[in-house]
Structure formats: C-alpha cells, structure tokens
Amino acid sequence: MDFEHEPADPFFRDRRARPGTDGPPAPAPSPGSGCEGGRAAFRPPAEEVRRRIMEAVGAVPLLAQPGRAGLGVFLSLLQDRLPVYAASMAEALGRPGRRSVRENLTLAARATVDFYGEVLPAQTAVLASPEQTAGLRQLTRAGDLGPHHAERMVADYLEAERRFGRVSPEVDALAVAHLLLGGCLGYVFNAVLQGREDLPGAAEYTAAMVRALDLGL
C-alpha cells in the first residue's frame, strides 16, 4: 500500500525543525495527508537550482579571469545537468510512502550515477588547478550548492519513511545517505579512471548497493 506525503524540494526545502535540531520535532505525517496545512507548493526543484547557479555566477565574477576556461565549461555543464538531477531526485524521493523504500533509493542512486557520470570528467579538470578549485568553492558557497543537499534529501526521506514505520528507528539516516551517494560517486570515479568494461552495469551496481543497506526492517 502506498502512503503518499507532501512533495519535498530536495535542495532548498523549508527549514522546519527536525530531530536533533532546535525547536520541537515535526509532527508525524498521516498517510495520504498531502501538503500540510494547505501550504503553498514549493518552487519546482529544477527551476530553483537553476536560479541558484545563475545567482552564484553573477555574485562571483571569476569566469572572465585568465586560466578559468575549465571552470566556465564545468559551470555551463552544471547549469544544464544539475536541475535535471534535482528533478530526478524529487521524483524518486519526494513522496515518502510511494513505492518501496528500496525502489525509491535505487531510483535516487541511478539519478546520482547518471549526474556524476555527466559532470565528473569536467569537474576533474577544474580540481587539477588550485586557482580553479578555489573559484569553484566560492561559487558553491555563494549559491549554497553542493552534494550535502542531496545527502540531506536522502536522510530526510528516510526520516519520513521511519514515521510511516517503513524504516527502523535505529537506522542512522544521514549515515545511510553518505554510504549511498558516496558509493555512487565511487562507481563513477572508477568508471572514469579505468573504463566501464570491468565494472558491473549501473543498474546492477545501484540495485546491489541498495540491497546491502541495513534499513532495519
């Protein structure tokens, strides 16, 4: 049975109190509750992510400086692919209670592998230059961008599923998120480094990784 809850904005959600943060914990959702309290819909995640990238680029005038061509290429790619990734993550994890937990995590893992597979080669060229790496850090801070948002989304999803009784109370949601998305990045890094010939396919790898996660149920 599916128990749908409100859609989540994966990267720039509202800052409601959560377990371990200041303020009272969020109330447990009821199955099929929809948006809480008639709250207005979130900005579509792809639109919001694209806006953040554009604002960061405008706030940090680095691309016109000599030696920053690689950073410009990477940011152009990021403007195209990060919104798609955000939308894919929202579809996979945005409604706790829909599909099985492992199916949703597998969809999120596939989206992460696809995203890093498209951007990591360009990002490695940036990371090879200390100046470009410093510029990239300025931009990600200015736009509040970075992989920690995806990790937090996976953790928030697992916390919501815990309230539905579909994840054990003993599970460390953020640790599971670190393992899942770190494993995706490791797979893509190995594929870039040595090619895919000796690696399992992305579908096989992500499914096996999610099966190995201990969700306590």
N, C-alpha and C. Protein backbone atom coordinates (compact mmCIF):
# COMPACT_ATOMS: atom_id res chain seq x y z
N MET A 1 0.85 -1.19 0.00
CA MET A 1 0.00 0.00 0.00
C MET A 1 0.88 1.23 0.00
N ASP A 2 0.50 2.23 -0.80
CA ASP A 2 1.25 3.47 -0.85
C ASP A 2 0.65 4.48 0.10
N PHE A 3 1.50 5.17 0.86
CA PHE A 3 1.08 6.23 1.75
C PHE A 3 1.80 7.50 1.34
N GLU A 4 1.18 8.29 0.51
CA GLU A 4 1.88 9.46 -0.03
C GLU A 4 1.85 10.59 0.97
N HIS A 5 2.96 11.33 1.00
CA HIS A 5 3.10 12.51 1.83
C HIS A 5 3.44 13.67 0.92
N GLU A 6 3.66 14.85 1.46
CA GLU A 6 3.89 16.04 0.66
C GLU A 6 5.15 15.93 -0.18
N PRO A 7 5.18 16.55 -1.36
CA PRO A 7 6.40 16.56 -2.15
C PRO A 7 7.47 17.37 -1.48
N ALA A 8 8.71 16.92 -1.60
CA ALA A 8 9.83 17.62 -0.97
C ALA A 8 10.66 18.33 -2.02
N ASP A 9 11.08 19.54 -1.71
CA ASP A 9 12.04 20.25 -2.54
C ASP A 9 13.41 19.76 -2.10
N PRO A 10 14.15 19.02 -2.93
CA PRO A 10 15.31 18.28 -2.45
C PRO A 10 16.49 19.13 -2.06
N PHE A 11 16.67 20.30 -2.66
CA PHE A 11 17.89 21.04 -2.43
C PHE A 11 17.65 22.31 -1.63
N PHE A 12 16.46 22.87 -1.68
CA PHE A 12 16.22 24.13 -1.00
C PHE A 12 14.85 24.11 -0.33
N ARG A 13 14.64 23.09 0.51
CA ARG A 13 13.37 22.91 1.15
C ARG A 13 13.21 23.91 2.29
N ASP A 14 12.01 23.94 2.86
CA ASP A 14 11.78 24.79 4.03
C ASP A 14 12.57 24.25 5.21
N ARG A 15 12.83 25.11 6.19
CA ARG A 15 13.71 24.75 7.30
C ARG A 15 12.90 24.40 8.54
N ARG A 16 12.00 23.44 8.43
CA ARG A 16 11.25 23.01 9.60
C ARG A 16 12.18 22.30 10.58
N ALA A 17 11.82 22.36 11.86
CA ALA A 17 12.63 21.68 12.86
C ALA A 17 12.61 20.19 12.61
N ARG A 18 13.78 19.57 12.81
CA ARG A 18 13.91 18.14 12.62
C ARG A 18 14.58 17.54 13.85
N PRO A 19 14.48 16.23 14.03
CA PRO A 19 15.11 15.60 15.18
C PRO A 19 16.58 15.99 15.26
N GLY A 20 17.01 16.42 16.45
CA GLY A 20 18.39 16.81 16.64
C GLY A 20 18.67 18.26 16.33
N THR A 21 17.62 19.06 15.95
CA THR A 21 17.80 20.46 15.68
C THR A 21 17.02 21.25 16.70
N ASP A 22 17.20 22.58 16.70
CA ASP A 22 16.47 23.42 17.62
C ASP A 22 14.99 23.40 17.30
N GLY A 23 14.17 23.55 18.33
CA GLY A 23 12.74 23.61 18.13
C GLY A 23 12.10 22.25 18.26
N PRO A 24 10.77 22.23 18.34
CA PRO A 24 10.06 20.95 18.50
C PRO A 24 10.14 20.13 17.25
N PRO A 25 10.10 18.81 17.37
CA PRO A 25 10.16 17.96 16.17
C PRO A 25 8.90 18.12 15.35
N ALA A 26 9.05 17.86 14.04
CA ALA A 26 7.90 17.93 13.15
C ALA A 26 6.94 16.81 13.50
N PRO A 27 5.61 17.08 13.43
CA PRO A 27 4.63 16.04 13.75
C PRO A 27 4.69 14.91 12.75
N ALA A 28 4.32 13.73 13.22
CA ALA A 28 4.31 12.57 12.32
C ALA A 28 3.24 12.76 11.26
N PRO A 29 3.55 12.46 9.99
CA PRO A 29 2.56 12.62 8.93
C PRO A 29 1.53 11.51 8.98
N SER A 30 0.36 11.78 8.48
CA SER A 30 -0.65 10.75 8.33
C SER A 30 -0.68 10.30 6.89
N PRO A 31 -0.88 9.02 6.63
CA PRO A 31 -0.88 8.55 5.25
C PRO A 31 -1.89 9.31 4.41
N GLY A 32 -1.44 9.70 3.20
CA GLY A 32 -2.31 10.39 2.28
C GLY A 32 -2.62 11.81 2.67
N SER A 33 -1.80 12.41 3.55
CA SER A 33 -2.13 13.72 4.09
C SER A 33 -1.94 14.84 3.09
N GLY A 34 -1.06 14.64 2.06
CA GLY A 34 -0.82 15.71 1.11
C GLY A 34 -0.05 16.83 1.74
N CYS A 35 -0.15 18.05 1.19
CA CYS A 35 0.57 19.20 1.73
C CYS A 35 0.00 19.57 3.07
N GLU A 36 0.87 19.87 4.01
CA GLU A 36 0.47 20.16 5.37
C GLU A 36 -0.12 21.56 5.46
N GLY A 37 -1.29 21.67 6.12
CA GLY A 37 -1.85 22.95 6.43
C GLY A 37 -2.16 23.81 5.22
N GLY A 38 -2.33 23.20 4.05
CA GLY A 38 -2.63 23.98 2.87
C GLY A 38 -1.47 24.84 2.42
N ARG A 39 -0.24 24.51 2.84
CA ARG A 39 0.92 25.34 2.49
C ARG A 39 1.11 25.36 0.99
N ALA A 40 1.51 26.52 0.46
CA ALA A 40 1.67 26.68 -0.98
C ALA A 40 2.73 25.72 -1.50
N ALA A 41 2.61 25.36 -2.77
CA ALA A 41 3.55 24.42 -3.37
C ALA A 41 4.94 25.01 -3.42
N PHE A 42 5.95 24.14 -3.33
CA PHE A 42 7.34 24.55 -3.45
C PHE A 42 7.62 25.04 -4.86
N ARG A 43 8.64 25.87 -5.01
CA ARG A 43 9.17 26.17 -6.33
C ARG A 43 9.68 24.87 -6.93
N PRO A 44 9.40 24.57 -8.20
CA PRO A 44 9.92 23.34 -8.79
C PRO A 44 11.42 23.24 -8.59
N PRO A 45 11.93 22.09 -8.17
CA PRO A 45 13.34 21.99 -7.81
C PRO A 45 14.29 22.36 -8.94
N ALA A 46 13.98 21.96 -10.18
CA ALA A 46 14.87 22.28 -11.29
C ALA A 46 14.97 23.79 -11.48
N GLU A 47 13.85 24.48 -11.39
CA GLU A 47 13.84 25.93 -11.54
C GLU A 47 14.64 26.60 -10.42
N GLU A 48 14.47 26.10 -9.20
CA GLU A 48 15.17 26.70 -8.06
C GLU A 48 16.68 26.48 -8.16
N VAL A 49 17.09 25.30 -8.53
CA VAL A 49 18.52 25.02 -8.66
C VAL A 49 19.14 25.88 -9.75
N ARG A 50 18.45 26.00 -10.87
CA ARG A 50 18.98 26.83 -11.97
C ARG A 50 19.13 28.28 -11.52
N ARG A 51 18.16 28.76 -10.76
CA ARG A 51 18.23 30.14 -10.27
C ARG A 51 19.43 30.32 -9.33
N ARG A 52 19.66 29.35 -8.45
CA ARG A 52 20.78 29.46 -7.52
C ARG A 52 22.12 29.49 -8.26
N ILE A 53 22.25 28.67 -9.29
CA ILE A 53 23.50 28.65 -10.05
C ILE A 53 23.73 30.00 -10.73
N MET A 54 22.69 30.54 -11.35
CA MET A 54 22.82 31.82 -12.03
C MET A 54 23.16 32.94 -11.07
N GLU A 55 22.56 32.93 -9.89
CA GLU A 55 22.86 33.95 -8.90
C GLU A 55 24.30 33.84 -8.41
N ALA A 56 24.78 32.61 -8.23
CA ALA A 56 26.15 32.41 -7.76
C ALA A 56 27.15 32.90 -8.81
N VAL A 57 26.90 32.58 -10.07
CA VAL A 57 27.80 33.03 -11.13
C VAL A 57 27.82 34.55 -11.20
N GLY A 58 26.66 35.18 -11.02
CA GLY A 58 26.61 36.63 -11.05
C GLY A 58 27.28 37.28 -9.85
N ALA A 59 27.25 36.58 -8.70
CA ALA A 59 27.80 37.16 -7.48
C ALA A 59 29.31 37.03 -7.39
N VAL A 60 29.88 36.08 -8.12
CA VAL A 60 31.32 35.82 -8.04
C VAL A 60 31.91 35.94 -9.45
N PRO A 61 32.40 37.13 -9.85
CA PRO A 61 32.87 37.35 -11.22
C PRO A 61 34.25 36.73 -11.45
N LEU A 62 34.26 35.43 -11.67
CA LEU A 62 35.53 34.72 -11.82
C LEU A 62 35.80 34.25 -13.24
N LEU A 63 34.74 34.09 -14.02
CA LEU A 63 34.91 33.38 -15.29
C LEU A 63 35.70 34.17 -16.30
N ALA A 64 35.75 35.50 -16.15
CA ALA A 64 36.49 36.31 -17.12
C ALA A 64 37.98 36.35 -16.83
N GLN A 65 38.41 35.83 -15.69
CA GLN A 65 39.82 35.87 -15.34
C GLN A 65 40.61 34.83 -16.14
N PRO A 66 41.89 35.12 -16.44
CA PRO A 66 42.71 34.16 -17.18
C PRO A 66 42.81 32.83 -16.44
N GLY A 67 42.89 31.75 -17.19
CA GLY A 67 43.08 30.43 -16.60
C GLY A 67 41.82 29.82 -16.02
N ARG A 68 40.65 30.40 -16.30
CA ARG A 68 39.40 29.88 -15.73
C ARG A 68 38.50 29.24 -16.78
N ALA A 69 39.05 28.90 -17.94
CA ALA A 69 38.23 28.33 -19.01
C ALA A 69 37.58 27.02 -18.57
N GLY A 70 38.37 26.17 -17.88
CA GLY A 70 37.82 24.89 -17.44
C GLY A 70 36.66 25.07 -16.48
N LEU A 71 36.75 26.07 -15.61
CA LEU A 71 35.67 26.35 -14.68
C LEU A 71 34.42 26.79 -15.42
N GLY A 72 34.61 27.60 -16.46
CA GLY A 72 33.46 28.03 -17.25
C GLY A 72 32.77 26.87 -17.94
N VAL A 73 33.54 25.93 -18.47
CA VAL A 73 32.96 24.76 -19.12
C VAL A 73 32.18 23.93 -18.10
N PHE A 74 32.76 23.73 -16.93
CA PHE A 74 32.09 22.94 -15.91
C PHE A 74 30.79 23.60 -15.46
N LEU A 75 30.81 24.92 -15.25
CA LEU A 75 29.60 25.60 -14.80
C LEU A 75 28.51 25.59 -15.86
N SER A 76 28.90 25.68 -17.13
CA SER A 76 27.91 25.57 -18.20
C SER A 76 27.24 24.19 -18.17
N LEU A 77 28.05 23.17 -17.96
CA LEU A 77 27.52 21.81 -17.85
C LEU A 77 26.63 21.68 -16.62
N LEU A 78 27.06 22.27 -15.51
CA LEU A 78 26.31 22.19 -14.27
C LEU A 78 24.95 22.87 -14.41
N GLN A 79 24.91 24.02 -15.07
CA GLN A 79 23.65 24.71 -15.29
C GLN A 79 22.66 23.85 -16.07
N ASP A 80 23.17 23.00 -16.92
CA ASP A 80 22.31 22.13 -17.72
C ASP A 80 21.90 20.88 -16.96
N ARG A 81 22.84 20.25 -16.24
CA ARG A 81 22.60 18.92 -15.69
C ARG A 81 22.11 18.92 -14.24
N LEU A 82 22.53 19.89 -13.43
CA LEU A 82 22.11 19.87 -12.02
C LEU A 82 20.61 20.03 -11.85
N PRO A 83 19.93 20.91 -12.60
CA PRO A 83 18.47 20.96 -12.47
C PRO A 83 17.78 19.64 -12.83
N VAL A 84 18.31 18.94 -13.82
CA VAL A 84 17.75 17.63 -14.18
C VAL A 84 17.92 16.65 -13.03
N TYR A 85 19.10 16.67 -12.41
CA TYR A 85 19.36 15.80 -11.25
C TYR A 85 18.40 16.13 -10.11
N ALA A 86 18.22 17.42 -9.83
CA ALA A 86 17.31 17.82 -8.75
C ALA A 86 15.90 17.31 -9.01
N ALA A 87 15.44 17.44 -10.25
CA ALA A 87 14.10 16.97 -10.58
C ALA A 87 13.99 15.45 -10.45
N SER A 88 15.03 14.73 -10.85
CA SER A 88 15.03 13.27 -10.74
C SER A 88 15.01 12.83 -9.29
N MET A 89 15.76 13.52 -8.45
CA MET A 89 15.76 13.19 -7.02
C MET A 89 14.40 13.49 -6.38
N ALA A 90 13.78 14.58 -6.81
CA ALA A 90 12.45 14.91 -6.29
C ALA A 90 11.44 13.84 -6.67
N GLU A 91 11.53 13.34 -7.89
CA GLU A 91 10.63 12.29 -8.34
C GLU A 91 10.88 10.99 -7.56
N ALA A 92 12.14 10.69 -7.29
CA ALA A 92 12.47 9.44 -6.59
C ALA A 92 12.08 9.48 -5.12
N LEU A 93 12.32 10.61 -4.46
CA LEU A 93 12.22 10.67 -3.00
C LEU A 93 11.21 11.66 -2.48
N GLY A 94 10.54 12.37 -3.37
CA GLY A 94 9.70 13.48 -2.94
C GLY A 94 8.39 13.10 -2.28
N ARG A 95 7.95 11.85 -2.40
CA ARG A 95 6.69 11.43 -1.77
C ARG A 95 6.90 10.16 -0.96
N PRO A 96 7.35 10.28 0.27
CA PRO A 96 7.51 9.09 1.12
C PRO A 96 6.20 8.32 1.21
N GLY A 97 6.30 7.01 1.20
CA GLY A 97 5.13 6.15 1.25
C GLY A 97 4.74 5.61 -0.10
N ARG A 98 5.31 6.18 -1.17
CA ARG A 98 5.01 5.70 -2.52
C ARG A 98 6.09 4.72 -2.94
N ARG A 99 5.72 3.64 -3.56
CA ARG A 99 6.63 2.56 -3.94
C ARG A 99 7.32 2.00 -2.69
N SER A 100 8.26 1.07 -2.87
CA SER A 100 9.01 0.56 -1.72
C SER A 100 10.18 1.49 -1.42
N VAL A 101 10.68 1.42 -0.19
CA VAL A 101 11.81 2.26 0.20
C VAL A 101 13.03 1.95 -0.66
N ARG A 102 13.30 0.67 -0.85
CA ARG A 102 14.48 0.30 -1.64
C ARG A 102 14.33 0.70 -3.11
N GLU A 103 13.13 0.63 -3.63
CA GLU A 103 12.93 1.08 -5.01
C GLU A 103 13.20 2.57 -5.14
N ASN A 104 12.73 3.35 -4.19
CA ASN A 104 12.98 4.79 -4.24
C ASN A 104 14.46 5.11 -4.10
N LEU A 105 15.15 4.42 -3.20
CA LEU A 105 16.58 4.64 -3.04
C LEU A 105 17.35 4.23 -4.29
N THR A 106 16.90 3.17 -4.94
CA THR A 106 17.56 2.75 -6.18
C THR A 106 17.39 3.80 -7.27
N LEU A 107 16.21 4.37 -7.38
CA LEU A 107 15.99 5.44 -8.35
C LEU A 107 16.89 6.64 -8.06
N ALA A 108 17.02 6.99 -6.77
CA ALA A 108 17.90 8.09 -6.40
C ALA A 108 19.36 7.78 -6.73
N ALA A 109 19.76 6.53 -6.48
CA ALA A 109 21.14 6.14 -6.79
C ALA A 109 21.41 6.19 -8.29
N ARG A 110 20.46 5.73 -9.10
CA ARG A 110 20.64 5.79 -10.55
C ARG A 110 20.74 7.24 -11.03
N ALA A 111 19.91 8.11 -10.48
CA ALA A 111 19.98 9.53 -10.85
C ALA A 111 21.32 10.12 -10.48
N THR A 112 21.87 9.71 -9.34
CA THR A 112 23.17 10.23 -8.88
C THR A 112 24.29 9.73 -9.78
N VAL A 113 24.27 8.45 -10.13
CA VAL A 113 25.28 7.91 -11.04
C VAL A 113 25.21 8.62 -12.39
N ASP A 114 24.02 8.82 -12.90
CA ASP A 114 23.87 9.49 -14.19
C ASP A 114 24.42 10.92 -14.12
N PHE A 115 24.10 11.63 -13.04
CA PHE A 115 24.55 13.02 -12.90
C PHE A 115 26.07 13.10 -12.84
N TYR A 116 26.68 12.32 -11.95
CA TYR A 116 28.14 12.38 -11.82
C TYR A 116 28.83 11.86 -13.08
N GLY A 117 28.22 10.90 -13.75
CA GLY A 117 28.80 10.42 -14.99
C GLY A 117 28.89 11.51 -16.04
N GLU A 118 27.99 12.47 -16.00
CA GLU A 118 27.99 13.56 -16.96
C GLU A 118 28.89 14.72 -16.56
N VAL A 119 29.05 14.97 -15.25
CA VAL A 119 29.78 16.17 -14.84
C VAL A 119 31.18 15.90 -14.28
N LEU A 120 31.43 14.68 -13.80
CA LEU A 120 32.70 14.44 -13.13
C LEU A 120 33.91 14.62 -14.03
N PRO A 121 33.91 14.18 -15.29
CA PRO A 121 35.10 14.42 -16.13
C PRO A 121 35.45 15.90 -16.24
N ALA A 122 34.45 16.76 -16.40
CA ALA A 122 34.72 18.20 -16.47
C ALA A 122 35.16 18.74 -15.12
N GLN A 123 34.62 18.19 -14.04
CA GLN A 123 34.99 18.68 -12.71
C GLN A 123 36.43 18.32 -12.36
N THR A 124 36.90 17.17 -12.81
CA THR A 124 38.28 16.79 -12.50
C THR A 124 39.27 17.76 -13.13
N ALA A 125 38.94 18.31 -14.29
CA ALA A 125 39.81 19.31 -14.91
C ALA A 125 39.89 20.57 -14.05
N VAL A 126 38.79 20.93 -13.42
CA VAL A 126 38.79 22.09 -12.53
C VAL A 126 39.61 21.79 -11.28
N LEU A 127 39.44 20.62 -10.71
CA LEU A 127 40.13 20.27 -9.46
C LEU A 127 41.64 20.11 -9.67
N ALA A 128 42.08 19.95 -10.90
CA ALA A 128 43.51 19.86 -11.17
C ALA A 128 44.21 21.20 -11.02
N SER A 129 43.45 22.29 -10.97
CA SER A 129 44.02 23.63 -10.83
C SER A 129 43.63 24.23 -9.49
N PRO A 130 44.61 24.56 -8.64
CA PRO A 130 44.26 25.16 -7.34
C PRO A 130 43.45 26.44 -7.49
N GLU A 131 43.76 27.27 -8.48
CA GLU A 131 43.01 28.52 -8.67
C GLU A 131 41.57 28.25 -9.06
N GLN A 132 41.37 27.30 -9.98
CA GLN A 132 40.00 26.99 -10.39
C GLN A 132 39.23 26.30 -9.28
N THR A 133 39.91 25.48 -8.49
CA THR A 133 39.25 24.85 -7.35
C THR A 133 38.77 25.89 -6.35
N ALA A 134 39.62 26.89 -6.08
CA ALA A 134 39.23 27.98 -5.18
C ALA A 134 38.03 28.74 -5.73
N GLY A 135 38.03 28.97 -7.05
CA GLY A 135 36.89 29.65 -7.66
C GLY A 135 35.62 28.85 -7.56
N LEU A 136 35.72 27.54 -7.75
CA LEU A 136 34.56 26.68 -7.64
C LEU A 136 34.00 26.70 -6.22
N ARG A 137 34.89 26.70 -5.23
CA ARG A 137 34.42 26.76 -3.84
C ARG A 137 33.68 28.07 -3.57
N GLN A 138 34.18 29.18 -4.11
CA GLN A 138 33.49 30.45 -3.93
C GLN A 138 32.10 30.41 -4.52
N LEU A 139 31.99 29.84 -5.69
CA LEU A 139 30.69 29.79 -6.36
C LEU A 139 29.70 28.89 -5.62
N THR A 140 30.16 27.73 -5.17
CA THR A 140 29.24 26.82 -4.48
C THR A 140 28.78 27.42 -3.15
N ARG A 141 29.68 28.16 -2.47
CA ARG A 141 29.27 28.81 -1.23
C ARG A 141 28.30 29.95 -1.50
N ALA A 142 28.55 30.72 -2.55
CA ALA A 142 27.68 31.84 -2.87
C ALA A 142 26.28 31.38 -3.23
N GLY A 143 26.17 30.24 -3.90
CA GLY A 143 24.87 29.72 -4.32
C GLY A 143 24.29 28.68 -3.41
N ASP A 144 24.96 28.38 -2.29
CA ASP A 144 24.53 27.30 -1.40
C ASP A 144 24.30 26.02 -2.19
N LEU A 145 25.32 25.65 -2.95
CA LEU A 145 25.27 24.45 -3.78
C LEU A 145 26.22 23.41 -3.20
N GLY A 146 26.04 22.17 -3.56
CA GLY A 146 26.97 21.13 -3.12
C GLY A 146 26.27 19.82 -2.85
N PRO A 147 27.05 18.74 -2.78
CA PRO A 147 26.46 17.40 -2.61
C PRO A 147 25.79 17.19 -1.26
N HIS A 148 26.07 18.05 -0.29
CA HIS A 148 25.43 17.88 1.01
C HIS A 148 23.91 18.02 0.92
N HIS A 149 23.41 18.76 -0.07
CA HIS A 149 21.97 18.90 -0.23
C HIS A 149 21.33 17.58 -0.63
N ALA A 150 21.96 16.86 -1.55
CA ALA A 150 21.43 15.56 -1.95
C ALA A 150 21.49 14.57 -0.78
N GLU A 151 22.57 14.61 -0.01
CA GLU A 151 22.67 13.73 1.16
C GLU A 151 21.57 14.04 2.17
N ARG A 152 21.32 15.33 2.38
CA ARG A 152 20.28 15.71 3.33
C ARG A 152 18.90 15.29 2.83
N MET A 153 18.71 15.34 1.52
CA MET A 153 17.41 14.91 0.99
C MET A 153 17.17 13.43 1.23
N VAL A 154 18.20 12.60 0.99
CA VAL A 154 18.06 11.17 1.24
C VAL A 154 17.78 10.93 2.72
N ALA A 155 18.50 11.62 3.59
CA ALA A 155 18.28 11.46 5.03
C ALA A 155 16.87 11.89 5.43
N ASP A 156 16.41 13.01 4.90
CA ASP A 156 15.06 13.47 5.21
C ASP A 156 14.01 12.47 4.72
N TYR A 157 14.26 11.91 3.56
CA TYR A 157 13.33 10.90 3.03
C TYR A 157 13.26 9.70 3.97
N LEU A 158 14.41 9.22 4.43
CA LEU A 158 14.42 8.06 5.33
C LEU A 158 13.76 8.39 6.66
N GLU A 159 13.94 9.62 7.15
CA GLU A 159 13.27 10.01 8.39
C GLU A 159 11.76 10.01 8.22
N ALA A 160 11.30 10.47 7.05
CA ALA A 160 9.86 10.45 6.78
C ALA A 160 9.34 9.01 6.69
N GLU A 161 10.09 8.15 6.05
CA GLU A 161 9.67 6.74 5.96
C GLU A 161 9.70 6.08 7.34
N ARG A 162 10.59 6.52 8.21
CA ARG A 162 10.61 5.99 9.57
C ARG A 162 9.30 6.32 10.29
N ARG A 163 8.76 7.51 10.04
CA ARG A 163 7.49 7.89 10.68
C ARG A 163 6.33 7.07 10.14
N PHE A 164 6.48 6.53 8.94
CA PHE A 164 5.48 5.61 8.39
C PHE A 164 5.70 4.18 8.88
N GLY A 165 6.80 3.93 9.60
CA GLY A 165 7.10 2.58 10.06
C GLY A 165 7.78 1.73 9.03
N ARG A 166 8.33 2.34 7.99
CA ARG A 166 8.96 1.57 6.90
C ARG A 166 10.48 1.56 7.00
N VAL A 167 11.04 2.27 7.99
CA VAL A 167 12.48 2.25 8.29
C VAL A 167 12.62 2.16 9.80
N SER A 168 13.55 1.35 10.27
CA SER A 168 13.72 1.12 11.70
C SER A 168 14.15 2.40 12.44
N PRO A 169 13.70 2.60 13.67
CA PRO A 169 14.14 3.75 14.47
C PRO A 169 15.64 3.76 14.72
N GLU A 170 16.29 2.60 14.64
CA GLU A 170 17.73 2.53 14.92
C GLU A 170 18.60 2.96 13.74
N VAL A 171 18.01 3.14 12.58
CA VAL A 171 18.80 3.47 11.39
C VAL A 171 19.29 4.91 11.47
N ASP A 172 20.58 5.12 11.21
CA ASP A 172 21.17 6.45 11.11
C ASP A 172 20.94 6.95 9.68
N ALA A 173 19.93 7.79 9.50
CA ALA A 173 19.52 8.18 8.16
C ALA A 173 20.62 8.90 7.39
N LEU A 174 21.33 9.79 8.07
CA LEU A 174 22.37 10.54 7.37
C LEU A 174 23.55 9.64 7.00
N ALA A 175 23.88 8.69 7.86
CA ALA A 175 24.95 7.74 7.54
C ALA A 175 24.58 6.90 6.31
N VAL A 176 23.32 6.47 6.23
CA VAL A 176 22.87 5.73 5.05
C VAL A 176 23.00 6.59 3.80
N ALA A 177 22.64 7.87 3.92
CA ALA A 177 22.76 8.78 2.78
C ALA A 177 24.21 8.91 2.34
N HIS A 178 25.13 9.04 3.30
CA HIS A 178 26.55 9.13 2.97
C HIS A 178 27.01 7.87 2.23
N LEU A 179 26.62 6.71 2.73
CA LEU A 179 27.03 5.46 2.10
C LEU A 179 26.46 5.34 0.69
N LEU A 180 25.19 5.67 0.52
CA LEU A 180 24.54 5.51 -0.77
C LEU A 180 25.16 6.44 -1.82
N LEU A 181 25.21 7.73 -1.53
CA LEU A 181 25.68 8.68 -2.53
C LEU A 181 27.20 8.61 -2.69
N GLY A 182 27.92 8.31 -1.61
CA GLY A 182 29.36 8.10 -1.74
C GLY A 182 29.68 6.90 -2.61
N GLY A 183 28.88 5.84 -2.49
CA GLY A 183 29.07 4.68 -3.35
C GLY A 183 28.81 5.00 -4.81
N CYS A 184 27.83 5.86 -5.06
CA CYS A 184 27.56 6.28 -6.45
C CYS A 184 28.74 7.05 -7.02
N LEU A 185 29.28 7.97 -6.24
CA LEU A 185 30.42 8.75 -6.71
C LEU A 185 31.63 7.86 -6.93
N GLY A 186 31.85 6.89 -6.04
CA GLY A 186 32.97 5.97 -6.20
C GLY A 186 32.84 5.15 -7.48
N TYR A 187 31.63 4.72 -7.80
CA TYR A 187 31.40 3.95 -9.02
C TYR A 187 31.77 4.79 -10.25
N VAL A 188 31.31 6.03 -10.28
CA VAL A 188 31.58 6.89 -11.44
C VAL A 188 33.07 7.20 -11.52
N PHE A 189 33.71 7.45 -10.39
CA PHE A 189 35.15 7.73 -10.40
C PHE A 189 35.92 6.55 -10.98
N ASN A 190 35.57 5.33 -10.56
CA ASN A 190 36.25 4.15 -11.10
C ASN A 190 35.98 3.99 -12.59
N ALA A 191 34.76 4.33 -13.02
CA ALA A 191 34.44 4.22 -14.44
C ALA A 191 35.26 5.22 -15.26
N VAL A 192 35.43 6.44 -14.73
CA VAL A 192 36.24 7.44 -15.42
C VAL A 192 37.70 7.01 -15.45
N LEU A 193 38.18 6.44 -14.33
CA LEU A 193 39.58 6.09 -14.20
C LEU A 193 39.97 4.89 -15.05
N GLN A 194 39.15 3.84 -15.05
CA GLN A 194 39.54 2.59 -15.69
C GLN A 194 38.59 2.12 -16.78
N GLY A 195 37.54 2.90 -17.04
CA GLY A 195 36.56 2.48 -18.02
C GLY A 195 35.52 1.55 -17.42
N ARG A 196 34.43 1.36 -18.12
CA ARG A 196 33.32 0.56 -17.60
C ARG A 196 33.41 -0.92 -17.94
N GLU A 197 34.41 -1.30 -18.74
CA GLU A 197 34.46 -2.68 -19.22
C GLU A 197 34.52 -3.70 -18.09
N ASP A 198 35.26 -3.38 -17.02
CA ASP A 198 35.44 -4.33 -15.93
C ASP A 198 34.51 -4.06 -14.75
N LEU A 199 33.57 -3.15 -14.92
CA LEU A 199 32.64 -2.81 -13.85
C LEU A 199 31.26 -3.37 -14.16
N PRO A 200 30.45 -3.65 -13.13
CA PRO A 200 29.06 -4.02 -13.40
C PRO A 200 28.32 -2.83 -14.01
N GLY A 201 27.22 -3.09 -14.67
CA GLY A 201 26.41 -2.01 -15.20
C GLY A 201 25.85 -1.15 -14.07
N ALA A 202 25.49 0.08 -14.41
CA ALA A 202 25.00 1.00 -13.38
C ALA A 202 23.74 0.46 -12.70
N ALA A 203 22.84 -0.15 -13.45
CA ALA A 203 21.61 -0.68 -12.86
C ALA A 203 21.93 -1.81 -11.88
N GLU A 204 22.81 -2.70 -12.28
CA GLU A 204 23.20 -3.81 -11.40
C GLU A 204 23.90 -3.30 -10.15
N TYR A 205 24.81 -2.35 -10.33
CA TYR A 205 25.58 -1.83 -9.20
C TYR A 205 24.68 -1.12 -8.19
N THR A 206 23.82 -0.24 -8.66
CA THR A 206 22.98 0.52 -7.74
C THR A 206 21.98 -0.38 -7.03
N ALA A 207 21.43 -1.36 -7.74
CA ALA A 207 20.48 -2.27 -7.10
C ALA A 207 21.16 -3.09 -6.00
N ALA A 208 22.37 -3.58 -6.28
CA ALA A 208 23.10 -4.36 -5.28
C ALA A 208 23.48 -3.50 -4.08
N MET A 209 23.88 -2.26 -4.33
CA MET A 209 24.26 -1.37 -3.24
C MET A 209 23.07 -1.09 -2.32
N VAL A 210 21.92 -0.83 -2.91
CA VAL A 210 20.74 -0.55 -2.10
C VAL A 210 20.29 -1.79 -1.32
N ARG A 211 20.39 -2.97 -1.93
CA ARG A 211 20.05 -4.21 -1.21
C ARG A 211 20.93 -4.40 0.01
N ALA A 212 22.18 -3.93 -0.06
CA ALA A 212 23.11 -4.13 1.05
C ALA A 212 22.89 -3.16 2.20
N LEU A 213 22.12 -2.10 1.98
CA LEU A 213 21.88 -1.12 3.05
C LEU A 213 21.03 -1.73 4.14
N ASP A 214 21.41 -1.50 5.37
CA ASP A 214 20.65 -2.01 6.52
C ASP A 214 19.63 -0.96 6.92
N LEU A 215 18.36 -1.21 6.57
CA LEU A 215 17.28 -0.29 6.93
C LEU A 215 16.51 -0.79 8.14
N GLY A 216 16.94 -1.91 8.70
CA GLY A 216 16.39 -2.35 9.96
C GLY A 216 15.06 -3.07 9.86
N LEU A 217 14.56 -3.29 8.67
CA LEU A 217 13.27 -3.98 8.53
C LEU A 217 13.38 -5.11 7.52
